[in-house]
Amino acid sequence: MREATVTRKTAETEISVTLDLDGTGRHDCRTGIGFFDHMLDQLARHSLIDLTVAARGDLHIDDHHTVEDTGIALGQALAKALGDKRGIRRYGHFRLAMDDAQIATALDLSARPWLVWSVTFPAGKIGSFDTELVREFFQALSTHGGITLHVDLVHGLNSHHIAEATFKSVARALREAVEPDPRLGDALPSTKGAL
């Protein structure tokens, strides 16, 4: 069972994340931030990871703490569900086009977090959502999920399309990386003997 639940409570936020790596992309994401919920739904749907997120945060200040802490909890849940990572493909990549936007993602579930972020947004906001929070989310996910994550904007004119293409591209790369490799069996995808 590659499932996990993580609860994170601070003075700023209270977040619960439950996921199932072998799901069908079912999602119930409620953070109080409409656009962010939409992006989390895309992440679940296109990774085929069942995802439930319940978050309460200090939205009267801004969205930052809720978005970042959701990334932290989701990364922790992902790492917990993967366990020792025996039998997974480990690597994933996907180049995704959405209207004017094209995003290229490559990732490694290496336990060595690193984010290479080459994504810019023409607008500072999508509705009331700060576009800089997209990077903050993926930084937290990478750090706490132990993911080497490279995300590159190839083309893009519309900030909404760029953000959505980013979540979908990462989702598809993640789907590939967490999948069991039928040729690997129960072995670790590493010559080191540990990930």
Protein backbone atom coordinates (compact mmCIF):
# COMPACT_ATOMS: atom_id res chain seq x y z
CA MET A 1 0.00 0.00 0.00
CA ARG A 2 1.73 3.15 -1.20
CA GLU A 3 -0.40 5.57 0.79
CA ALA A 4 0.39 8.23 3.34
CA THR A 5 -1.22 10.89 5.49
CA VAL A 6 0.69 13.86 6.87
CA THR A 7 -0.68 16.53 9.19
CA ARG A 8 1.24 19.75 9.71
CA LYS A 9 0.20 22.34 12.28
CA THR A 10 1.94 25.63 12.92
CA ALA A 11 0.91 29.00 14.31
CA GLU A 12 0.14 30.01 10.70
CA THR A 13 -1.47 26.94 9.13
CA GLU A 14 -3.08 23.57 9.78
CA ILE A 15 -2.80 21.18 6.86
CA SER A 16 -3.70 17.55 6.27
CA VAL A 17 -2.61 15.71 3.13
CA THR A 18 -3.60 12.16 2.21
CA LEU A 19 -2.39 10.52 -0.98
CA ASP A 20 -2.38 7.18 -2.75
CA LEU A 21 0.32 6.71 -5.39
CA ASP A 22 -1.65 3.91 -7.04
CA GLY A 23 -4.86 5.86 -7.45
CA THR A 24 -6.78 7.16 -10.43
CA GLY A 25 -6.35 10.89 -9.89
CA ARG A 26 -9.30 11.44 -7.56
CA HIS A 27 -9.00 14.73 -5.72
CA ASP A 28 -10.58 16.78 -2.99
CA CYS A 29 -8.40 19.82 -2.40
CA ARG A 30 -9.67 22.59 -0.14
CA THR A 31 -7.17 25.25 0.86
CA GLY A 32 -9.39 28.31 0.75
CA ILE A 33 -7.47 29.52 -2.32
CA GLY A 34 -9.53 28.85 -5.42
CA PHE A 35 -6.80 28.98 -8.05
CA PHE A 36 -4.43 26.88 -5.92
CA ASP A 37 -7.14 24.24 -5.39
CA HIS A 38 -7.56 24.13 -9.18
CA MET A 39 -3.82 23.56 -9.59
CA LEU A 40 -3.72 20.82 -6.95
CA ASP A 41 -6.64 19.14 -8.70
CA GLN A 42 -4.58 19.19 -11.93
CA LEU A 43 -1.59 17.73 -10.10
CA ALA A 44 -3.69 14.83 -8.83
CA ARG A 45 -5.59 14.20 -12.04
CA HIS A 46 -2.56 14.11 -14.32
CA SER A 47 -0.27 12.17 -11.96
CA LEU A 48 -3.03 9.63 -11.22
CA ILE A 49 -2.25 10.13 -7.54
CA ASP A 50 -5.38 10.27 -5.39
CA LEU A 51 -5.05 13.42 -3.32
CA THR A 52 -6.98 14.96 -0.45
CA VAL A 53 -5.83 18.29 0.96
CA ALA A 54 -7.54 20.13 3.78
CA ALA A 55 -5.86 23.39 4.76
CA ARG A 56 -6.67 26.29 7.03
CA GLY A 57 -4.24 29.16 7.00
CA ASP A 58 -3.79 32.82 7.76
CA LEU A 59 -5.35 33.94 4.50
CA HIS A 60 -6.23 37.29 6.10
CA ILE A 61 -2.50 38.03 5.78
CA ASP A 62 -1.89 36.46 2.36
CA ASP A 63 -1.73 33.07 0.60
CA HIS A 64 1.99 32.48 1.08
CA HIS A 65 2.03 30.36 4.24
CA THR A 66 -0.84 28.15 3.08
CA VAL A 67 0.71 27.47 -0.33
CA GLU A 68 4.21 26.84 1.01
CA ASP A 69 3.07 24.66 3.91
CA THR A 70 0.86 22.62 1.59
CA GLY A 71 3.95 21.98 -0.53
CA ILE A 72 5.85 20.90 2.58
CA ALA A 73 3.11 18.49 3.71
CA LEU A 74 2.62 17.10 0.21
CA GLY A 75 6.36 16.50 -0.18
CA GLN A 76 6.49 14.73 3.18
CA ALA A 77 3.50 12.56 2.27
CA LEU A 78 5.03 11.67 -1.08
CA ALA A 79 8.32 10.63 0.54
CA LYS A 80 6.45 8.61 3.18
CA ALA A 81 4.32 6.80 0.57
CA LEU A 82 7.39 5.95 -1.54
CA GLY A 83 9.12 4.29 1.41
CA ASP A 84 12.53 2.93 0.40
CA LYS A 85 11.61 3.38 -3.30
CA ARG A 86 12.16 -0.24 -4.25
CA GLY A 87 10.90 -1.12 -7.71
CA ILE A 88 10.01 2.40 -8.93
CA ARG A 89 11.15 3.99 -12.16
CA ARG A 90 12.66 6.88 -10.13
CA TYR A 91 13.08 9.27 -13.08
CA GLY A 92 10.37 11.13 -14.94
CA HIS A 93 10.14 13.75 -17.63
CA PHE A 94 7.35 15.37 -19.58
CA ARG A 95 7.07 18.22 -22.06
CA LEU A 96 3.54 19.61 -21.97
CA ALA A 97 1.82 22.07 -24.27
CA MET A 98 -1.25 24.03 -23.22
CA ASP A 99 -2.36 26.63 -25.73
CA ASP A 100 0.45 29.23 -25.86
CA ALA A 101 2.41 27.66 -23.00
CA GLN A 102 4.92 24.84 -23.12
CA ILE A 103 6.68 23.49 -20.03
CA ALA A 104 9.48 20.93 -19.87
CA THR A 105 9.91 19.01 -16.60
CA ALA A 106 12.54 16.47 -15.59
CA LEU A 107 12.76 14.99 -12.11
CA ASP A 108 14.57 12.40 -10.04
CA LEU A 109 13.20 10.91 -6.81
CA SER A 110 16.77 10.86 -5.54
CA ALA A 111 16.36 12.02 -1.92
CA ARG A 112 18.65 14.88 -3.01
CA PRO A 113 16.36 17.90 -3.22
CA TRP A 114 17.25 20.53 -5.78
CA LEU A 115 15.06 22.92 -7.73
CA VAL A 116 16.09 24.41 -11.05
CA TRP A 117 13.36 26.90 -11.94
CA SER A 118 13.33 28.67 -15.30
CA VAL A 119 9.73 29.84 -15.36
CA THR A 120 8.65 33.46 -15.58
CA PHE A 121 5.15 34.90 -15.59
CA PRO A 122 4.03 37.91 -17.65
CA ALA A 123 1.62 38.95 -14.88
CA GLY A 124 2.22 39.18 -11.15
CA LYS A 125 -1.23 37.81 -10.34
CA ILE A 126 -3.73 35.31 -11.67
CA GLY A 127 -6.92 36.74 -10.24
CA SER A 128 -5.86 37.37 -6.65
CA PHE A 129 -3.19 34.62 -6.65
CA ASP A 130 0.46 35.75 -6.64
CA THR A 131 2.29 33.97 -9.46
CA GLU A 132 5.53 33.89 -7.42
CA LEU A 133 3.80 31.34 -5.16
CA VAL A 134 3.97 28.72 -7.91
CA ARG A 135 7.73 28.56 -7.42
CA GLU A 136 7.34 28.59 -3.62
CA PHE A 137 5.06 25.55 -3.81
CA PHE A 138 7.45 23.56 -5.99
CA GLN A 139 10.45 24.57 -3.86
CA ALA A 140 8.70 23.18 -0.78
CA LEU A 141 7.59 20.04 -2.63
CA SER A 142 11.12 19.42 -3.92
CA THR A 143 12.80 20.03 -0.57
CA HIS A 144 10.47 17.92 1.56
CA GLY A 145 9.84 15.24 -1.06
CA GLY A 146 13.55 14.74 -1.72
CA ILE A 147 13.09 15.53 -5.41
CA THR A 148 15.61 16.87 -7.90
CA LEU A 149 13.23 18.96 -9.99
CA HIS A 150 13.97 20.92 -13.15
CA VAL A 151 11.15 23.01 -14.64
CA ASP A 152 11.66 25.11 -17.77
CA LEU A 153 9.30 27.44 -19.59
CA VAL A 154 9.77 26.88 -23.32
CA HIS A 155 7.03 29.26 -24.49
CA GLY A 156 4.22 31.18 -22.86
CA LEU A 157 2.18 34.35 -23.07
CA ASN A 158 -0.65 33.81 -20.59
CA SER A 159 0.16 33.44 -16.88
CA HIS A 160 -2.79 31.13 -16.18
CA HIS A 161 -1.74 28.81 -18.99
CA ILE A 162 1.90 28.85 -17.83
CA ALA A 163 0.95 27.96 -14.25
CA GLU A 164 -1.46 25.23 -15.27
CA ALA A 165 0.97 23.75 -17.79
CA THR A 166 3.60 23.69 -15.03
CA PHE A 167 1.41 21.73 -12.61
CA LYS A 168 0.34 19.33 -15.36
CA SER A 169 3.88 18.79 -16.64
CA VAL A 170 5.23 18.08 -13.16
CA ALA A 171 2.28 15.76 -12.57
CA ARG A 172 2.99 13.71 -15.68
CA ALA A 173 6.70 13.46 -14.85
CA LEU A 174 5.82 12.43 -11.29
CA ARG A 175 3.42 9.80 -12.61
CA GLU A 176 6.24 8.24 -14.61
CA ALA A 177 8.74 8.37 -11.73
CA VAL A 178 6.54 6.76 -9.05
CA GLU A 179 5.31 3.94 -11.30
CA PRO A 180 6.58 0.44 -10.57
CA ASP A 181 9.15 -0.71 -13.13
CA PRO A 182 8.14 -4.24 -14.18
CA ARG A 183 11.72 -5.08 -15.18
CA LEU A 184 13.16 -3.94 -11.85
CA GLY A 185 11.11 -6.12 -9.53
CA ASP A 186 11.87 -5.34 -5.90
CA ALA A 187 15.32 -3.87 -6.56
CA LEU A 188 16.37 -0.32 -5.85
CA PRO A 189 16.86 1.92 -8.88
CA SER A 190 20.36 2.87 -7.68
CA THR A 191 23.85 1.39 -7.63
CA LYS A 192 24.35 2.83 -4.12
CA GLY A 193 22.00 0.40 -2.47
CA ALA A 194 19.90 3.19 -0.96
CA LEU A 195 17.98 6.27 -2.03
